Structure formats: C-alpha cells, structure tokens
C-alpha cells in the first residue's frame, strides 16, 4: 500500500501548494469533494479509474503521484510549469509561434 499512501500524500501536497479550498480543488479535478476527502482520509485508497482521472486532470502521469513523495520545492516547480503550459495554451497561434522560435534560438546557444 506504499503507492496508495504516496498518492494521498502527493495529492494533499499539490492541493496545499495550489492554495485552494477543497471545494475549488474538487472542481479543478472534476470530482466530488467527498471523493477527495475519502482518498485523503483512507490513505489513498481509491479506484484506478479515479486515480487516473485525477492524474489526467493535473496533467501528470499517475506514476508521478504514486512514486516518490514530493518535496516542498517540487510542487512549486510543478505548479509553475503547469501555469506556463496553461498560459502558453491561451496564446494566439502567432504568439505561440514566437515562443517556439525563441525556444529554438535559446536551445541553439545553450547546448
């Protein structure tokens, strides 16, 4: 049950790092608040379908939620990366092309 415990622990850490209420977090994950409460109170015990749904909603592979426990810095970094991807997705096609070109230039000079 190590993976279940890590799932609950990592889910709790991500929730705390997002600084959301449990209701807001459940809306973000598109699952009932009671489901999250059950997962956290039952040390990660949930169905595979629910665990996969949560991972998908967070944009993470399930293995990243059931493996090594996140350190305090990891969720902050993860949240920053997720925010960047979300912001990138909201850009116009032209602006996304600009970002991709800048990335190519940086990649060329910082090998």
PDB file of N, CA and C in Angstrom:
ATOM      1  N   UNK A   1       0.797  -1.193   0.000  1.00  0.00           N
ATOM      2  CA  UNK A   1       0.000   0.000   0.000  1.00  0.00           C
ATOM      3  C   UNK A   1       0.844   1.264   0.000  1.00  0.00           C
ATOM      4  N   UNK A   2       2.129   1.114  -0.212  1.00  0.00           N
ATOM      5  CA  UNK A   2       3.046   2.255  -0.279  1.00  0.00           C
ATOM      6  C   UNK A   2       2.593   3.251  -1.338  1.00  0.00           C
ATOM      7  N   UNK A   3       2.208   2.769  -2.530  1.00  0.00           N
ATOM      8  CA  UNK A   3       1.795   3.651  -3.626  1.00  0.00           C
ATOM      9  C   UNK A   3       0.528   4.417  -3.259  1.00  0.00           C
ATOM     10  N   UNK A   4      -0.401   3.778  -2.562  1.00  0.00           N
ATOM     11  CA  UNK A   4      -1.632   4.462  -2.138  1.00  0.00           C
ATOM     12  C   UNK A   4      -1.307   5.592  -1.162  1.00  0.00           C
ATOM     13  N   UNK A   5      -0.439   5.296  -0.212  1.00  0.00           N
ATOM     14  CA  UNK A   5      -0.039   6.320   0.760  1.00  0.00           C
ATOM     15  C   UNK A   5       0.619   7.500   0.048  1.00  0.00           C
ATOM     16  N   UNK A   6       1.509   7.222  -0.889  1.00  0.00           N
ATOM     17  CA  UNK A   6       2.193   8.289  -1.633  1.00  0.00           C
ATOM     18  C   UNK A   6       1.198   9.078  -2.468  1.00  0.00           C
ATOM     19  N   UNK A   7       0.212   8.390  -3.044  1.00  0.00           N
ATOM     20  CA  UNK A   7      -0.815   9.066  -3.829  1.00  0.00           C
ATOM     21  C   UNK A   7      -1.547  10.096  -2.965  1.00  0.00           C
ATOM     22  N   UNK A   8      -1.980   9.685  -1.780  1.00  0.00           N
ATOM     23  CA  UNK A   8      -2.689  10.598  -0.878  1.00  0.00           C
ATOM     24  C   UNK A   8      -1.781  11.742  -0.437  1.00  0.00           C
ATOM     25  N   UNK A   9      -0.558  11.412  -0.092  1.00  0.00           N
ATOM     26  CA  UNK A   9       0.382  12.427   0.374  1.00  0.00           C
ATOM     27  C   UNK A   9       0.684  13.452  -0.727  1.00  0.00           C
ATOM     28  N   UNK A  10       0.956  12.970  -1.935  1.00  0.00           N
ATOM     29  CA  UNK A  10       1.265  13.877  -3.037  1.00  0.00           C
ATOM     30  C   UNK A  10       0.046  14.697  -3.449  1.00  0.00           C
ATOM     31  N   UNK A  11      -1.117  14.090  -3.439  1.00  0.00           N
ATOM     32  CA  UNK A  11      -2.338  14.815  -3.768  1.00  0.00           C
ATOM     33  C   UNK A  11      -2.571  15.927  -2.742  1.00  0.00           C
ATOM     34  N   UNK A  12      -2.370  15.629  -1.488  1.00  0.00           N
ATOM     35  CA  UNK A  12      -2.524  16.621  -0.427  1.00  0.00           C
ATOM     36  C   UNK A  12      -1.523  17.771  -0.599  1.00  0.00           C
ATOM     37  N   UNK A  13      -0.285  17.438  -0.923  1.00  0.00           N
ATOM     38  CA  UNK A  13       0.745  18.461  -1.124  1.00  0.00           C
ATOM     39  C   UNK A  13       0.387  19.370  -2.293  1.00  0.00           C
ATOM     40  N   UNK A  14      -0.056  18.790  -3.395  1.00  0.00           N
ATOM     41  CA  UNK A  14      -0.428  19.596  -4.563  1.00  0.00           C
ATOM     42  C   UNK A  14      -1.599  20.502  -4.222  1.00  0.00           C
ATOM     43  N   UNK A  15      -2.576  19.976  -3.515  1.00  0.00           N
ATOM     44  CA  UNK A  15      -3.733  20.773  -3.098  1.00  0.00           C
ATOM     45  C   UNK A  15      -3.278  21.959  -2.242  1.00  0.00           C
ATOM     46  N   UNK A  16      -2.428  21.699  -1.271  1.00  0.00           N
ATOM     47  CA  UNK A  16      -1.937  22.762  -0.398  1.00  0.00           C
ATOM     48  C   UNK A  16      -1.139  23.799  -1.185  1.00  0.00           C
ATOM     49  N   UNK A  17      -0.314  23.348  -2.110  1.00  0.00           N
ATOM     50  CA  UNK A  17       0.515  24.271  -2.883  1.00  0.00           C
ATOM     51  C   UNK A  17      -0.318  25.140  -3.824  1.00  0.00           C
ATOM     52  N   UNK A  18      -1.444  24.627  -4.266  1.00  0.00           N
ATOM     53  CA  UNK A  18      -2.324  25.416  -5.130  1.00  0.00           C
ATOM     54  C   UNK A  18      -3.101  26.453  -4.334  1.00  0.00           C
ATOM     55  N   UNK A  19      -3.085  26.315  -3.004  1.00  0.00           N
ATOM     56  CA  UNK A  19      -3.744  27.267  -2.118  1.00  0.00           C
ATOM     57  C   UNK A  19      -5.235  27.415  -2.461  1.00  0.00           C
ATOM     58  N   UNK A  20      -5.887  26.276  -2.663  1.00  0.00           N
ATOM     59  CA  UNK A  20      -7.314  26.247  -2.979  1.00  0.00           C
ATOM     60  C   UNK A  20      -8.087  25.644  -1.814  1.00  0.00           C
ATOM     61  N   UNK A  21      -9.366  25.975  -1.747  1.00  0.00           N
ATOM     62  CA  UNK A  21     -10.225  25.267  -0.809  1.00  0.00           C
ATOM     63  C   UNK A  21     -10.433  23.860  -1.368  1.00  0.00           C
ATOM     64  N   UNK A  22     -10.914  22.973  -0.541  1.00  0.00           N
ATOM     65  CA  UNK A  22     -11.177  21.616  -1.012  1.00  0.00           C
ATOM     66  C   UNK A  22     -12.245  21.628  -2.101  1.00  0.00           C
ATOM     67  N   UNK A  23     -13.227  22.505  -1.963  1.00  0.00           N
ATOM     68  CA  UNK A  23     -14.276  22.619  -2.994  1.00  0.00           C
ATOM     69  C   UNK A  23     -13.690  23.086  -4.324  1.00  0.00           C
ATOM     70  N   UNK A  24     -12.815  24.071  -4.274  1.00  0.00           N
ATOM     71  CA  UNK A  24     -12.181  24.575  -5.502  1.00  0.00           C
ATOM     72  C   UNK A  24     -11.306  23.495  -6.139  1.00  0.00           C
ATOM     73  N   UNK A  25     -10.577  22.762  -5.296  1.00  0.00           N
ATOM     74  CA  UNK A  25      -9.710  21.696  -5.803  1.00  0.00           C
ATOM     75  C   UNK A  25     -10.538  20.589  -6.439  1.00  0.00           C
ATOM     76  N   UNK A  26     -11.658  20.249  -5.822  1.00  0.00           N
ATOM     77  CA  UNK A  26     -12.513  19.203  -6.393  1.00  0.00           C
ATOM     78  C   UNK A  26     -13.103  19.655  -7.724  1.00  0.00           C
ATOM     79  N   UNK A  27     -13.432  20.929  -7.847  1.00  0.00           N
ATOM     80  CA  UNK A  27     -13.919  21.453  -9.128  1.00  0.00           C
ATOM     81  C   UNK A  27     -12.829  21.384 -10.184  1.00  0.00           C
ATOM     82  N   UNK A  28     -11.608  21.741  -9.809  1.00  0.00           N
ATOM     83  CA  UNK A  28     -10.482  21.675 -10.745  1.00  0.00           C
ATOM     84  C   UNK A  28     -10.250  20.238 -11.227  1.00  0.00           C
ATOM     85  N   UNK A  29     -10.416  19.292 -10.312  1.00  0.00           N
ATOM     86  CA  UNK A  29     -10.204  17.885 -10.651  1.00  0.00           C
ATOM     87  C   UNK A  29     -11.437  17.245 -11.285  1.00  0.00           C
ATOM     88  N   UNK A  30     -12.548  17.958 -11.236  1.00  0.00           N
ATOM     89  CA  UNK A  30     -13.810  17.469 -11.793  1.00  0.00           C
ATOM     90  C   UNK A  30     -14.244  16.163 -11.126  1.00  0.00           C
ATOM     91  N   UNK A  31     -14.118  16.143  -9.788  1.00  0.00           N
ATOM     92  CA  UNK A  31     -14.605  15.010  -8.993  1.00  0.00           C
ATOM     93  C   UNK A  31     -15.289  15.567  -7.750  1.00  0.00           C
ATOM     94  N   UNK A  32     -16.187  14.806  -7.156  1.00  0.00           N
ATOM     95  CA  UNK A  32     -16.856  15.293  -5.948  1.00  0.00           C
ATOM     96  C   UNK A  32     -15.871  15.548  -4.801  1.00  0.00           C
ATOM     97  N   UNK A  33     -16.184  16.553  -4.017  1.00  0.00           N
ATOM     98  CA  UNK A  33     -15.370  16.890  -2.840  1.00  0.00           C
ATOM     99  C   UNK A  33     -15.259  15.685  -1.917  1.00  0.00           C
ATOM    100  N   UNK A  34     -16.352  14.946  -1.779  1.00  0.00           N
ATOM    101  CA  UNK A  34     -16.351  13.782  -0.893  1.00  0.00           C
ATOM    102  C   UNK A  34     -15.355  12.710  -1.353  1.00  0.00           C
ATOM    103  N   UNK A  35     -15.133  12.624  -2.657  1.00  0.00           N
ATOM    104  CA  UNK A  35     -14.164  11.653  -3.180  1.00  0.00           C
ATOM    105  C   UNK A  35     -12.759  12.011  -2.726  1.00  0.00           C
ATOM    106  N   UNK A  36     -12.421  13.283  -2.812  1.00  0.00           N
ATOM    107  CA  UNK A  36     -11.092  13.722  -2.349  1.00  0.00           C
ATOM    108  C   UNK A  36     -10.965  13.483  -0.845  1.00  0.00           C
ATOM    109  N   UNK A  37     -12.009  13.816  -0.103  1.00  0.00           N
ATOM    110  CA  UNK A  37     -11.978  13.588   1.348  1.00  0.00           C
ATOM    111  C   UNK A  37     -11.754  12.114   1.653  1.00  0.00           C
ATOM    112  N   UNK A  38     -12.423  11.237   0.915  1.00  0.00           N
ATOM    113  CA  UNK A  38     -12.244   9.792   1.115  1.00  0.00           C
ATOM    114  C   UNK A  38     -10.816   9.362   0.803  1.00  0.00           C
ATOM    115  N   UNK A  39     -10.276   9.848  -0.298  1.00  0.00           N
ATOM    116  CA  UNK A  39      -8.913   9.476  -0.693  1.00  0.00           C
ATOM    117  C   UNK A  39      -7.927   9.887   0.398  1.00  0.00           C
ATOM    118  N   UNK A  40      -8.076  11.115   0.883  1.00  0.00           N
ATOM    119  CA  UNK A  40      -7.145  11.614   1.892  1.00  0.00           C
ATOM    120  C   UNK A  40      -7.333  10.935   3.240  1.00  0.00           C
ATOM    121  N   UNK A  41      -8.574  10.628   3.611  1.00  0.00           N
ATOM    122  CA  UNK A  41      -8.813  10.000   4.908  1.00  0.00           C
ATOM    123  C   UNK A  41      -8.540   8.498   4.900  1.00  0.00           C
ATOM    124  N   UNK A  42      -8.593   7.880   3.731  1.00  0.00           N
ATOM    125  CA  UNK A  42      -8.364   6.432   3.623  1.00  0.00           C
ATOM    126  C   UNK A  42      -6.967   6.130   3.081  1.00  0.00           C
ATOM    127  N   UNK A  43      -6.043   7.057   3.306  1.00  0.00           N
ATOM    128  CA  UNK A  43      -4.632   6.878   2.942  1.00  0.00           C
ATOM    129  C   UNK A  43      -4.451   6.510   1.472  1.00  0.00           C
ATOM    130  N   UNK A  44      -5.213   7.175   0.590  1.00  0.00           N
ATOM    131  CA  UNK A  44      -5.024   6.997  -0.840  1.00  0.00           C
ATOM    132  C   UNK A  44      -5.829   5.887  -1.467  1.00  0.00           C
ATOM    133  N   UNK A  45      -6.633   5.202  -0.691  1.00  0.00           N
ATOM    134  CA  UNK A  45      -7.412   4.088  -1.236  1.00  0.00           C
ATOM    135  C   UNK A  45      -8.515   4.629  -2.143  1.00  0.00           C
ATOM    136  N   UNK A  46      -8.438   4.304  -3.430  1.00  0.00           N
ATOM    137  CA  UNK A  46      -9.436   4.720  -4.410  1.00  0.00           C
ATOM    138  C   UNK A  46      -9.376   3.764  -5.593  1.00  0.00           C
ATOM    139  N   UNK A  47     -10.272   3.952  -6.530  1.00  0.00           N
ATOM    140  CA  UNK A  47     -10.251   3.092  -7.714  1.00  0.00           C
ATOM    141  C   UNK A  47      -9.176   3.574  -8.677  1.00  0.00           C
ATOM    142  N   UNK A  48      -8.733   2.679  -9.522  1.00  0.00           N
ATOM    143  CA  UNK A  48      -7.753   3.038 -10.545  1.00  0.00           C
ATOM    144  C   UNK A  48      -8.336   4.100 -11.468  1.00  0.00           C
ATOM    145  N   UNK A  49      -9.609   3.968 -11.803  1.00  0.00           N
ATOM    146  CA  UNK A  49     -10.274   4.943 -12.681  1.00  0.00           C
ATOM    147  C   UNK A  49     -10.206   6.354 -12.084  1.00  0.00           C
ATOM    148  N   UNK A  50     -10.482   6.462 -10.786  1.00  0.00           N
ATOM    149  CA  UNK A  50     -10.441   7.770 -10.127  1.00  0.00           C
ATOM    150  C   UNK A  50      -9.015   8.309 -10.074  1.00  0.00           C
ATOM    151  N   UNK A  51      -8.060   7.466  -9.744  1.00  0.00           N
ATOM    152  CA  UNK A  51      -6.661   7.891  -9.680  1.00  0.00           C
ATOM    153  C   UNK A  51      -6.178   8.374 -11.054  1.00  0.00           C
ATOM    154  N   UNK A  52      -6.532   7.651 -12.104  1.00  0.00           N
ATOM    155  CA  UNK A  52      -6.145   8.055 -13.459  1.00  0.00           C
ATOM    156  C   UNK A  52      -6.816   9.369 -13.854  1.00  0.00           C
ATOM    157  N   UNK A  53      -8.070   9.528 -13.459  1.00  0.00           N
ATOM    158  CA  UNK A  53      -8.787  10.770 -13.754  1.00  0.00           C
ATOM    159  C   UNK A  53      -8.107  11.963 -13.075  1.00  0.00           C
ATOM    160  N   UNK A  54      -7.740  11.792 -11.819  1.00  0.00           N
ATOM    161  CA  UNK A  54      -7.054  12.866 -11.084  1.00  0.00           C
ATOM    162  C   UNK A  54      -5.728  13.208 -11.744  1.00  0.00           C
ATOM    163  N   UNK A  55      -4.952  12.196 -12.058  1.00  0.00           N
ATOM    164  CA  UNK A  55      -3.660  12.433 -12.709  1.00  0.00           C
ATOM    165  C   UNK A  55      -3.862  13.169 -14.031  1.00  0.00           C
ATOM    166  N   UNK A  56      -4.853  12.751 -14.798  1.00  0.00           N
ATOM    167  CA  UNK A  56      -5.131  13.389 -16.082  1.00  0.00           C
ATOM    168  C   UNK A  56      -5.531  14.853 -15.889  1.00  0.00           C
ATOM    169  N   UNK A  57      -6.377  15.125 -14.919  1.00  0.00           N
ATOM    170  CA  UNK A  57      -6.817  16.494 -14.652  1.00  0.00           C
ATOM    171  C   UNK A  57      -5.649  17.378 -14.207  1.00  0.00           C
ATOM    172  N   UNK A  58      -4.683  16.785 -13.524  1.00  0.00           N
ATOM    173  CA  UNK A  58      -3.498  17.533 -13.096  1.00  0.00           C
ATOM    174  C   UNK A  58      -2.443  17.613 -14.194  1.00  0.00           C
ATOM    175  N   UNK A  59      -2.658  16.855 -15.271  1.00  0.00           N
ATOM    176  CA  UNK A  59      -1.685  16.849 -16.361  1.00  0.00           C
ATOM    177  C   UNK A  59      -0.413  16.106 -16.001  1.00  0.00           C
ATOM    178  N   UNK A  60      -0.547  15.074 -15.175  1.00  0.00           N
ATOM    179  CA  UNK A  60       0.604  14.319 -14.696  1.00  0.00           C
ATOM    180  C   UNK A  60       0.415  12.837 -14.964  1.00  0.00           C
ATOM    181  N   UNK A  61       1.508  12.107 -15.156  1.00  0.00           N
ATOM    182  CA  UNK A  61       1.371  10.651 -15.213  1.00  0.00           C
ATOM    183  C   UNK A  61       1.047  10.128 -13.815  1.00  0.00           C
ATOM    184  N   UNK A  62       0.243   9.099 -13.756  1.00  0.00           N
ATOM    185  CA  UNK A  62      -0.127   8.531 -12.465  1.00  0.00           C
ATOM    186  C   UNK A  62       1.103   8.130 -11.660  1.00  0.00           C
ATOM    187  N   UNK A  63       2.116   7.634 -12.332  1.00  0.00           N
ATOM    188  CA  UNK A  63       3.331   7.197 -11.630  1.00  0.00           C
ATOM    189  C   UNK A  63       3.991   8.333 -10.851  1.00  0.00           C
ATOM    190  N   UNK A  64       3.818   9.565 -11.309  1.00  0.00           N
ATOM    191  CA  UNK A  64       4.420  10.683 -10.576  1.00  0.00           C
ATOM    192  C   UNK A  64       3.662  10.971  -9.285  1.00  0.00           C
ATOM    193  N   UNK A  65       2.430  10.520  -9.197  1.00  0.00           N
ATOM    194  CA  UNK A  65       1.651  10.721  -7.969  1.00  0.00           C
ATOM    195  C   UNK A  65       1.769   9.547  -7.009  1.00  0.00           C
ATOM    196  N   UNK A  66       2.161   8.394  -7.500  1.00  0.00           N
ATOM    197  CA  UNK A  66       2.244   7.205  -6.642  1.00  0.00           C
ATOM    198  C   UNK A  66       3.670   6.838  -6.277  1.00  0.00           C
ATOM    199  N   UNK A  67       4.612   7.528  -6.864  1.00  0.00           N
ATOM    200  CA  UNK A  67       6.021   7.230  -6.597  1.00  0.00           C
ATOM    201  C   UNK A  67       6.553   8.053  -5.450  1.00  0.00           C
ATOM    202  N   UNK A  68       7.728   8.558  -5.637  1.00  0.00           N
ATOM    203  CA  UNK A  68       8.432   9.314  -4.608  1.00  0.00           C
ATOM    204  C   UNK A  68       7.604  10.503  -4.129  1.00  0.00           C
ATOM    205  N   UNK A  69       7.659  10.729  -2.835  1.00  0.00           N
ATOM    206  CA  UNK A  69       6.903  11.843  -2.255  1.00  0.00           C
ATOM    207  C   UNK A  69       7.523  13.162  -2.696  1.00  0.00           C
ATOM    208  N   UNK A  70       6.662  14.119  -3.007  1.00  0.00           N
ATOM    209  CA  UNK A  70       7.135  15.434  -3.420  1.00  0.00           C
ATOM    210  C   UNK A  70       7.801  16.153  -2.264  1.00  0.00           C
ATOM    211  N   UNK A  71       8.906  16.810  -2.558  1.00  0.00           N
ATOM    212  CA  UNK A  71       9.499  17.694  -1.561  1.00  0.00           C
ATOM    213  C   UNK A  71       8.736  19.006  -1.621  1.00  0.00           C
ATOM    214  N   UNK A  72       9.008  19.884  -0.710  1.00  0.00           N
ATOM    215  CA  UNK A  72       8.299  21.167  -0.678  1.00  0.00           C
ATOM    216  C   UNK A  72       8.547  21.956  -1.960  1.00  0.00           C
ATOM    217  N   UNK A  73       9.730  21.853  -2.528  1.00  0.00           N
ATOM    218  CA  UNK A  73      10.066  22.626  -3.729  1.00  0.00           C
ATOM    219  C   UNK A  73       9.427  22.039  -4.990  1.00  0.00           C
ATOM    220  N   UNK A  74       9.245  20.736  -5.043  1.00  0.00           N
ATOM    221  CA  UNK A  74       8.717  20.114  -6.251  1.00  0.00           C
ATOM    222  C   UNK A  74       7.334  20.606  -6.639  1.00  0.00           C
ATOM    223  N   UNK A  75       6.377  20.688  -5.717  1.00  0.00           N
ATOM    224  CA  UNK A  75       5.053  21.189  -6.122  1.00  0.00           C
ATOM    225  C   UNK A  75       5.101  22.626  -6.624  1.00  0.00           C
ATOM    226  N   UNK A  76       5.958  23.455  -6.037  1.00  0.00           N
ATOM    227  CA  UNK A  76       6.080  24.836  -6.506  1.00  0.00           C
ATOM    228  C   UNK A  76       6.586  24.851  -7.946  1.00  0.00           C
ATOM    229  N   UNK A  77       7.594  24.048  -8.218  1.00  0.00           N
ATOM    230  CA  UNK A  77       8.126  23.958  -9.575  1.00  0.00           C
ATOM    231  C   UNK A  77       7.077  23.390 -10.516  1.00  0.00           C
ATOM    232  N   UNK A  78       6.410  22.344 -10.087  1.00  0.00           N
ATOM    233  CA  UNK A  78       5.368  21.719 -10.895  1.00  0.00           C
ATOM    234  C   UNK A  78       4.245  22.708 -11.184  1.00  0.00           C
ATOM    235  N   UNK A  79       3.828  23.443 -10.182  1.00  0.00           N
ATOM    236  CA  UNK A  79       2.771  24.434 -10.358  1.00  0.00           C
ATOM    237  C   UNK A  79       3.216  25.525 -11.333  1.00  0.00           C
ATOM    238  N   UNK A  80       4.464  25.953 -11.238  1.00  0.00           N
ATOM    239  CA  UNK A  80       4.988  26.959 -12.165  1.00  0.00           C
ATOM    240  C   UNK A  80       4.989  26.440 -13.594  1.00  0.00           C
ATOM    241  N   UNK A  81       5.407  25.209 -13.765  1.00  0.00           N
ATOM    242  CA  UNK A  81       5.430  24.615 -15.107  1.00  0.00           C
ATOM    243  C   UNK A  81       4.011  24.483 -15.648  1.00  0.00           C
ATOM    244  N   UNK A  82       3.086  24.023 -14.815  1.00  0.00           N
ATOM    245  CA  UNK A  82       1.696  23.873 -15.247  1.00  0.00           C
ATOM    246  C   UNK A  82       1.093  25.227 -15.620  1.00  0.00           C
ATOM    247  N   UNK A  83       1.428  26.271 -14.855  1.00  0.00           N
ATOM    248  CA  UNK A  83       0.947  27.619 -15.156  1.00  0.00           C
ATOM    249  C   UNK A  83       1.501  28.099 -16.489  1.00  0.00           C
ATOM    250  N   UNK A  84       2.783  27.810 -16.738  1.00  0.00           N
ATOM    251  CA  UNK A  84       3.393  28.194 -18.024  1.00  0.00           C
ATOM    252  C   UNK A  84       2.689  27.491 -19.182  1.00  0.00           C
ATOM    253  N   UNK A  85       2.448  26.202 -19.062  1.00  0.00           N
ATOM    254  CA  UNK A  85       1.760  25.469 -20.130  1.00  0.00           C
ATOM    255  C   UNK A  85       0.346  26.001 -20.343  1.00  0.00           C
ATOM    256  N   UNK A  86      -0.327  26.310 -19.250  1.00  0.00           N
ATOM    257  CA  UNK A  86      -1.681  26.852 -19.347  1.00  0.00           C
ATOM    258  C   UNK A  86      -1.657  28.204 -20.048  1.00  0.00           C
ATOM    259  N   UNK A  87      -0.704  29.053 -19.686  1.00  0.00           N
ATOM    260  CA  UNK A  87      -0.577  30.367 -20.325  1.00  0.00           C
ATOM    261  C   UNK A  87      -0.234  30.215 -21.795  1.00  0.00           C
ATOM    262  N   UNK A  88       0.660  29.295 -22.111  1.00  0.00           N
ATOM    263  CA  UNK A  88       1.044  29.042 -23.499  1.00  0.00           C
ATOM    264  C   UNK A  88      -0.174  28.610 -24.317  1.00  0.00           C
ATOM    265  N   UNK A  89      -1.006  27.762 -23.746  1.00  0.00           N
ATOM    266  CA  UNK A  89      -2.184  27.257 -24.462  1.00  0.00           C
ATOM    267  C   UNK A  89      -3.177  28.374 -24.768  1.00  0.00           C
ATOM    268  N   UNK A  90      -3.183  29.421 -23.958  1.00  0.00           N
ATOM    269  CA  UNK A  90      -4.114  30.528 -24.171  1.00  0.00           C
ATOM    270  C   UNK A  90      -3.603  31.571 -25.157  1.00  0.00           C
ATOM    271  N   UNK A  91      -2.345  31.450 -25.581  1.00  0.00           N
ATOM    272  CA  UNK A  91      -1.787  32.406 -26.538  1.00  0.00           C
ATOM    273  C   UNK A  91      -2.402  32.199 -27.918  1.00  0.00           C
ATOM    274  N   UNK A  92      -2.370  33.255 -28.695  1.00  0.00           N
ATOM    275  CA  UNK A  92      -2.800  33.130 -30.088  1.00  0.00           C
ATOM    276  C   UNK A  92      -1.778  32.278 -30.829  1.00  0.00           C
ATOM    277  N   UNK A  93      -2.165  31.774 -31.973  1.00  0.00           N
ATOM    278  CA  UNK A  93      -1.256  30.929 -32.770  1.00  0.00           C
ATOM    279  C   UNK A  93       0.017  31.689 -33.111  1.00  0.00           C
ATOM    280  N   UNK A  94      -0.125  32.956 -33.437  1.00  0.00           N
ATOM    281  CA  UNK A  94       1.049  33.781 -33.787  1.00  0.00           C
ATOM    282  C   UNK A  94       1.995  33.921 -32.597  1.00  0.00           C
ATOM    283  N   UNK A  95       1.430  34.194 -31.425  1.00  0.00           N
ATOM    284  CA  UNK A  95       2.264  34.332 -30.226  1.00  0.00           C
ATOM    285  C   UNK A  95       2.921  33.003 -29.848  1.00  0.00           C
ATOM    286  N   UNK A  96       2.215  31.882 -30.040  1.00  0.00           N
ATOM    287  CA  UNK A  96       2.821  30.571 -29.761  1.00  0.00           C
ATOM    288  C   UNK A  96       4.007  30.321 -30.685  1.00  0.00           C
ATOM    289  N   UNK A  97       3.870  30.714 -31.957  1.00  0.00           N
ATOM    290  CA  UNK A  97       4.983  30.571 -32.896  1.00  0.00           C
ATOM    291  C   UNK A  97       6.188  31.388 -32.436  1.00  0.00           C
ATOM    292  N   UNK A  98       5.943  32.602 -31.926  1.00  0.00           N
ATOM    293  CA  UNK A  98       7.035  33.438 -31.414  1.00  0.00           C
ATOM    294  C   UNK A  98       7.748  32.749 -30.261  1.00  0.00           C
ATOM    295  N   UNK A  99       6.989  32.157 -29.358  1.00  0.00           N
ATOM    296  CA  UNK A  99       7.580  31.471 -28.208  1.00  0.00           C
ATOM    297  C   UNK A  99       8.425  30.290 -28.682  1.00  0.00           C
ATOM    298  N   UNK A 100       7.920  29.534 -29.633  1.00  0.00           N
ATOM    299  CA  UNK A 100       8.653  28.378 -30.148  1.00  0.00           C
ATOM    300  C   UNK A 100       9.950  28.826 -30.809  1.00  0.00           C
ATOM    301  N   UNK A 101       9.914  29.939 -31.539  1.00  0.00           N
ATOM    302  CA  UNK A 101      11.128  30.440 -32.191  1.00  0.00           C
ATOM    303  C   UNK A 101      12.159  30.892 -31.159  1.00  0.00           C
ATOM    304  N   UNK A 102      11.724  31.550 -30.104  1.00  0.00           N
ATOM    305  CA  UNK A 102      12.641  31.965 -29.042  1.00  0.00           C
ATOM    306  C   UNK A 102      13.271  30.739 -28.394  1.00  0.00           C
ATOM    307  N   UNK A 103      12.471  29.710 -28.172  1.00  0.00           N
ATOM    308  CA  UNK A 103      12.986  28.467 -27.588  1.00  0.00           C
ATOM    309  C   UNK A 103      14.067  27.869 -28.487  1.00  0.00           C
ATOM    310  N   UNK A 104      13.839  27.887 -29.788  1.00  0.00           N
ATOM    311  CA  UNK A 104      14.819  27.334 -30.728  1.00  0.00           C
ATOM    312  C   UNK A 104      16.117  28.129 -30.688  1.00  0.00           C
ATOM    313  N   UNK A 105      16.005  29.431 -30.581  1.00  0.00           N
ATOM    314  CA  UNK A 105      17.204  30.277 -30.501  1.00  0.00           C
ATOM    315  C   UNK A 105      17.966  29.981 -29.217  1.00  0.00           C
ATOM    316  N   UNK A 106      17.267  29.926 -28.087  1.00  0.00           N
ATOM    317  CA  UNK A 106      17.926  29.634 -26.809  1.00  0.00           C
ATOM    318  C   UNK A 106      18.583  28.265 -26.821  1.00  0.00           C
ATOM    319  N   UNK A 107      17.912  27.304 -27.413  1.00  0.00           N
ATOM    320  CA  UNK A 107      18.452  25.944 -27.488  1.00  0.00           C
ATOM    321  C   UNK A 107      19.749  25.921 -28.295  1.00  0.00           C
ATOM    322  N   UNK A 108      19.802  26.729 -29.333  1.00  0.00           N
ATOM    323  CA  UNK A 108      20.981  26.779 -30.202  1.00  0.00           C
ATOM    324  C   UNK A 108      22.209  27.320 -29.455  1.00  0.00           C
ATOM    325  N   UNK A 109      21.994  28.313 -28.585  1.00  0.00           N
ATOM    326  CA  UNK A 109      23.109  28.959 -27.915  1.00  0.00           C
ATOM    327  C   UNK A 109      23.470  28.324 -26.569  1.00  0.00           C
ATOM    328  N   UNK A 110      22.539  27.628 -25.932  1.00  0.00           N
ATOM    329  CA  UNK A 110      22.819  26.993 -24.644  1.00  0.00           C
ATOM    330  C   UNK A 110      22.728  25.482 -24.768  1.00  0.00           C
ATOM    331  N   UNK A 111      23.691  24.930 -25.428  1.00  0.00           N
ATOM    332  CA  UNK A 111      23.710  23.466 -25.630  1.00  0.00           C
ATOM    333  C   UNK A 111      24.219  22.763 -24.421  1.00  0.00           C
TER     334      UNK A 111
END
